Amino acid sequence: MHRSSKHKIFGGVCGGIAESLGWSPTLVRILWLVASALPFVGIPLYIVLWIILPLR
């Protein structure tokens, strides 16, 4: 997995996940919003992934 420099809005995390899975970046962003309703899933996990995933 990686962060996307092509499909990036904020940090490229959702775009990179979408590229890795062969999915639409919009679908991954919608799923991320749904997952963000759960405590300690959305923003904290996004920040961690933003830090650890390399930019490609």
N, C-alpha and C. Protein backbone atom coordinates (compact mmCIF):
# COMPACT_ATOMS: atom_id res chain seq x y z
N MET A 1 0.84 -1.18 0.00
CA MET A 1 0.00 0.00 0.00
C MET A 1 0.89 1.24 0.00
N HIS A 2 0.30 2.32 -0.47
CA HIS A 2 1.03 3.58 -0.55
C HIS A 2 0.02 4.73 -0.56
N ARG A 3 0.53 5.94 -0.41
CA ARG A 3 -0.30 7.14 -0.58
C ARG A 3 -0.22 7.55 -2.04
N SER A 4 -1.30 8.07 -2.56
CA SER A 4 -1.33 8.45 -3.96
C SER A 4 -0.99 9.93 -4.13
N SER A 5 -0.16 10.21 -5.11
CA SER A 5 0.10 11.61 -5.45
C SER A 5 -0.84 12.05 -6.57
N LYS A 6 -1.50 11.08 -7.21
CA LYS A 6 -2.40 11.38 -8.32
C LYS A 6 -3.84 11.58 -7.85
N HIS A 7 -4.33 10.71 -6.96
CA HIS A 7 -5.71 10.76 -6.47
C HIS A 7 -5.72 11.23 -5.03
N LYS A 8 -5.30 12.45 -4.81
CA LYS A 8 -5.16 12.93 -3.45
C LYS A 8 -6.01 14.16 -3.23
N ILE A 9 -6.70 14.16 -2.10
CA ILE A 9 -7.46 15.35 -1.70
C ILE A 9 -6.80 15.94 -0.47
N PHE A 10 -6.58 15.12 0.53
CA PHE A 10 -5.97 15.62 1.76
C PHE A 10 -4.55 15.07 1.92
N GLY A 11 -4.42 13.78 2.08
CA GLY A 11 -3.09 13.21 2.25
C GLY A 11 -2.76 12.10 1.27
N GLY A 12 -3.75 11.72 0.47
CA GLY A 12 -3.54 10.67 -0.52
C GLY A 12 -3.74 9.27 0.00
N VAL A 13 -4.19 9.13 1.25
CA VAL A 13 -4.35 7.81 1.85
C VAL A 13 -5.46 7.03 1.16
N CYS A 14 -6.63 7.60 1.04
CA CYS A 14 -7.76 6.89 0.41
C CYS A 14 -7.46 6.62 -1.07
N GLY A 15 -6.84 7.56 -1.75
CA GLY A 15 -6.47 7.36 -3.15
C GLY A 15 -5.47 6.24 -3.31
N GLY A 16 -4.51 6.15 -2.41
CA GLY A 16 -3.51 5.08 -2.46
C GLY A 16 -4.11 3.72 -2.16
N ILE A 17 -5.01 3.67 -1.18
CA ILE A 17 -5.69 2.41 -0.88
C ILE A 17 -6.52 1.97 -2.08
N ALA A 18 -7.21 2.92 -2.71
CA ALA A 18 -8.01 2.61 -3.89
C ALA A 18 -7.14 2.09 -5.03
N GLU A 19 -6.00 2.72 -5.27
CA GLU A 19 -5.09 2.26 -6.32
C GLU A 19 -4.59 0.86 -6.02
N SER A 20 -4.26 0.58 -4.76
CA SER A 20 -3.75 -0.74 -4.39
C SER A 20 -4.79 -1.84 -4.58
N LEU A 21 -6.06 -1.51 -4.32
CA LEU A 21 -7.13 -2.49 -4.43
C LEU A 21 -7.79 -2.52 -5.80
N GLY A 22 -7.47 -1.52 -6.64
CA GLY A 22 -8.10 -1.43 -7.95
C GLY A 22 -9.53 -0.91 -7.88
N TRP A 23 -9.84 -0.12 -6.86
CA TRP A 23 -11.18 0.42 -6.65
C TRP A 23 -11.20 1.89 -7.01
N SER A 24 -12.40 2.45 -7.02
CA SER A 24 -12.57 3.88 -7.24
C SER A 24 -12.19 4.64 -5.97
N PRO A 25 -11.43 5.73 -6.09
CA PRO A 25 -11.10 6.53 -4.91
C PRO A 25 -12.35 7.07 -4.21
N THR A 26 -13.38 7.38 -4.97
CA THR A 26 -14.62 7.88 -4.38
C THR A 26 -15.26 6.83 -3.49
N LEU A 27 -15.26 5.58 -3.93
CA LEU A 27 -15.82 4.49 -3.12
C LEU A 27 -15.05 4.33 -1.81
N VAL A 28 -13.73 4.39 -1.88
CA VAL A 28 -12.92 4.25 -0.67
C VAL A 28 -13.18 5.42 0.28
N ARG A 29 -13.34 6.61 -0.26
CA ARG A 29 -13.62 7.78 0.60
C ARG A 29 -14.98 7.64 1.29
N ILE A 30 -15.97 7.13 0.56
CA ILE A 30 -17.30 6.92 1.17
C ILE A 30 -17.22 5.86 2.25
N LEU A 31 -16.52 4.77 1.99
CA LEU A 31 -16.35 3.72 3.01
C LEU A 31 -15.60 4.26 4.22
N TRP A 32 -14.62 5.13 3.97
CA TRP A 32 -13.86 5.73 5.07
C TRP A 32 -14.76 6.61 5.94
N LEU A 33 -15.66 7.35 5.31
CA LEU A 33 -16.60 8.18 6.06
C LEU A 33 -17.52 7.33 6.93
N VAL A 34 -17.96 6.21 6.39
CA VAL A 34 -18.81 5.30 7.18
C VAL A 34 -18.01 4.74 8.35
N ALA A 35 -16.77 4.33 8.11
CA ALA A 35 -15.93 3.79 9.18
C ALA A 35 -15.59 4.86 10.22
N SER A 36 -15.60 6.12 9.82
CA SER A 36 -15.28 7.21 10.74
C SER A 36 -16.35 7.40 11.81
N ALA A 37 -17.51 6.81 11.61
CA ALA A 37 -18.56 6.88 12.62
C ALA A 37 -18.21 6.05 13.85
N LEU A 38 -17.30 5.09 13.68
CA LEU A 38 -16.86 4.27 14.80
C LEU A 38 -15.77 5.02 15.57
N PRO A 39 -15.79 4.92 16.90
CA PRO A 39 -14.77 5.62 17.68
C PRO A 39 -13.36 5.09 17.40
N PHE A 40 -12.41 5.97 17.34
CA PHE A 40 -10.99 5.67 17.16
C PHE A 40 -10.67 4.99 15.83
N VAL A 41 -11.53 5.13 14.83
CA VAL A 41 -11.25 4.50 13.54
C VAL A 41 -10.90 5.54 12.49
N GLY A 42 -11.72 6.55 12.32
CA GLY A 42 -11.58 7.49 11.21
C GLY A 42 -10.33 8.32 11.22
N ILE A 43 -10.36 9.42 11.91
CA ILE A 43 -9.26 10.39 11.87
C ILE A 43 -7.95 9.85 12.46
N PRO A 44 -7.96 9.20 13.63
CA PRO A 44 -6.68 8.70 14.15
C PRO A 44 -6.00 7.69 13.23
N LEU A 45 -6.78 6.78 12.65
CA LEU A 45 -6.19 5.79 11.75
C LEU A 45 -5.69 6.46 10.47
N TYR A 46 -6.43 7.43 9.97
CA TYR A 46 -6.01 8.16 8.77
C TYR A 46 -4.65 8.84 9.02
N ILE A 47 -4.51 9.47 10.17
CA ILE A 47 -3.25 10.15 10.50
C ILE A 47 -2.10 9.15 10.59
N VAL A 48 -2.33 8.01 11.21
CA VAL A 48 -1.29 6.99 11.31
C VAL A 48 -0.89 6.50 9.92
N LEU A 49 -1.88 6.22 9.07
CA LEU A 49 -1.58 5.76 7.72
C LEU A 49 -0.88 6.85 6.91
N TRP A 50 -1.24 8.10 7.13
CA TRP A 50 -0.59 9.21 6.44
C TRP A 50 0.89 9.26 6.79
N ILE A 51 1.20 8.95 8.03
CA ILE A 51 2.60 8.99 8.49
C ILE A 51 3.40 7.80 7.98
N ILE A 52 2.81 6.59 8.00
CA ILE A 52 3.60 5.40 7.71
C ILE A 52 3.60 4.97 6.25
N LEU A 53 2.58 5.35 5.46
CA LEU A 53 2.54 4.92 4.07
C LEU A 53 3.43 5.82 3.21
N PRO A 54 4.23 5.20 2.34
CA PRO A 54 5.08 6.01 1.47
C PRO A 54 4.27 6.67 0.36
N LEU A 55 4.72 7.82 -0.10
CA LEU A 55 4.07 8.54 -1.20
C LEU A 55 4.56 7.95 -2.52
N ARG A 56 3.62 7.69 -3.41
CA ARG A 56 4.01 7.13 -4.71
C ARG A 56 3.37 7.90 -5.81
